[in-house]
Amino acid sequence: MAAYLWAEGLIDNPVFVAEQAYGMNRPGQADVQVVGPQDAIEGVNLGGSGYVLMSGKLKI
């Protein structure tokens, strides 16, 4: 999504903080950096912190 927004000129800066899930009381943030100019994107760097909410095993 970040690469699309940058390529289409829908964001002014290729470095931003993405936020989500505030309405669910599970807010999260990620640092986003689109690498390269709008017409030649090379990649996207993502960073942030996280935690394991749940874990388990599935036996089939």
C-alpha atoms as a PDB file:
ATOM      1  CA  MET A   1       0.000   0.000   0.000  1.00  0.00           C
ATOM      2  CA  ALA A   2       2.832   2.402   0.856  1.00  0.00           C
ATOM      3  CA  ALA A   3       4.489   1.839  -2.529  1.00  0.00           C
ATOM      4  CA  TYR A   4       1.179   2.419  -4.326  1.00  0.00           C
ATOM      5  CA  LEU A   5       0.471   5.629  -2.416  1.00  0.00           C
ATOM      6  CA  TRP A   6       3.982   6.948  -3.157  1.00  0.00           C
ATOM      7  CA  ALA A   7       3.930   5.930  -6.836  1.00  0.00           C
ATOM      8  CA  GLU A   8       0.537   7.581  -7.401  1.00  0.00           C
ATOM      9  CA  GLY A   9       1.545  10.792  -5.635  1.00  0.00           C
ATOM     10  CA  LEU A  10      -1.072  10.315  -2.915  1.00  0.00           C
ATOM     11  CA  ILE A  11       1.460  10.966  -0.126  1.00  0.00           C
ATOM     12  CA  ASP A  12       3.976  13.829   0.017  1.00  0.00           C
ATOM     13  CA  ASN A  13       6.677  12.027   1.969  1.00  0.00           C
ATOM     14  CA  PRO A  14       7.918   8.438   1.519  1.00  0.00           C
ATOM     15  CA  VAL A  15       8.625   8.169   5.262  1.00  0.00           C
ATOM     16  CA  PHE A  16       5.654   8.026   7.640  1.00  0.00           C
ATOM     17  CA  VAL A  17       4.081   6.249  10.610  1.00  0.00           C
ATOM     18  CA  ALA A  18       1.160   3.951   9.761  1.00  0.00           C
ATOM     19  CA  GLU A  19      -1.451   3.474  12.486  1.00  0.00           C
ATOM     20  CA  GLN A  20      -4.352   1.045  12.785  1.00  0.00           C
ATOM     21  CA  ALA A  21      -6.897  -0.661  15.049  1.00  0.00           C
ATOM     22  CA  TYR A  22      -7.612   2.242  17.401  1.00  0.00           C
ATOM     23  CA  GLY A  23     -11.349   1.567  17.067  1.00  0.00           C
ATOM     24  CA  MET A  24     -10.764  -1.996  18.299  1.00  0.00           C
ATOM     25  CA  ASN A  25      -8.767  -0.824  21.341  1.00  0.00           C
ATOM     26  CA  ARG A  26      -5.699  -2.572  19.897  1.00  0.00           C
ATOM     27  CA  PRO A  27      -3.734   0.380  18.534  1.00  0.00           C
ATOM     28  CA  GLY A  28      -0.614  -0.303  16.541  1.00  0.00           C
ATOM     29  CA  GLN A  29       2.020   1.688  14.730  1.00  0.00           C
ATOM     30  CA  ALA A  30       4.633   0.844  12.126  1.00  0.00           C
ATOM     31  CA  ASP A  31       7.444   2.995  10.764  1.00  0.00           C
ATOM     32  CA  VAL A  32       7.293   2.931   6.945  1.00  0.00           C
ATOM     33  CA  GLN A  33       9.875   4.073   4.401  1.00  0.00           C
ATOM     34  CA  VAL A  34       9.398   3.663   0.650  1.00  0.00           C
ATOM     35  CA  VAL A  35      12.838   3.308  -0.962  1.00  0.00           C
ATOM     36  CA  GLY A  36      13.408   4.986  -4.314  1.00  0.00           C
ATOM     37  CA  PRO A  37      11.784   7.712  -6.388  1.00  0.00           C
ATOM     38  CA  GLN A  38       8.099   7.562  -7.314  1.00  0.00           C
ATOM     39  CA  ASP A  39       8.837   6.224 -10.800  1.00  0.00           C
ATOM     40  CA  ALA A  40      11.417   3.604  -9.728  1.00  0.00           C
ATOM     41  CA  ILE A  41      10.512   2.173  -6.308  1.00  0.00           C
ATOM     42  CA  GLU A  42      13.099  -0.311  -5.074  1.00  0.00           C
ATOM     43  CA  GLY A  43      11.363  -1.529  -1.925  1.00  0.00           C
ATOM     44  CA  VAL A  44       9.662  -0.715   1.355  1.00  0.00           C
ATOM     45  CA  ASN A  45      11.250  -0.799   4.815  1.00  0.00           C
ATOM     46  CA  LEU A  46       9.001  -1.497   7.802  1.00  0.00           C
ATOM     47  CA  GLY A  47       9.831  -1.312  11.476  1.00  0.00           C
ATOM     48  CA  GLY A  48       8.213  -1.218  14.854  1.00  0.00           C
ATOM     49  CA  SER A  49       7.624  -3.289  17.926  1.00  0.00           C
ATOM     50  CA  GLY A  50       5.214  -6.100  18.563  1.00  0.00           C
ATOM     51  CA  TYR A  51       4.248  -8.876  20.915  1.00  0.00           C
ATOM     52  CA  VAL A  52       2.740 -12.331  20.703  1.00  0.00           C
ATOM     53  CA  LEU A  53      -0.978 -12.072  21.412  1.00  0.00           C
ATOM     54  CA  MET A  54      -1.604 -15.804  21.256  1.00  0.00           C
ATOM     55  CA  SER A  55       0.092 -18.981  20.109  1.00  0.00           C
ATOM     56  CA  GLY A  56      -0.950 -22.548  19.559  1.00  0.00           C
ATOM     57  CA  LYS A  57      -0.589 -25.703  17.518  1.00  0.00           C
ATOM     58  CA  LEU A  58      -2.779 -27.155  14.826  1.00  0.00           C
ATOM     59  CA  LYS A  59      -2.680 -30.908  14.288  1.00  0.00           C
ATOM     60  CA  ILE A  60      -4.220 -32.170  11.067  1.00  0.00           C
END
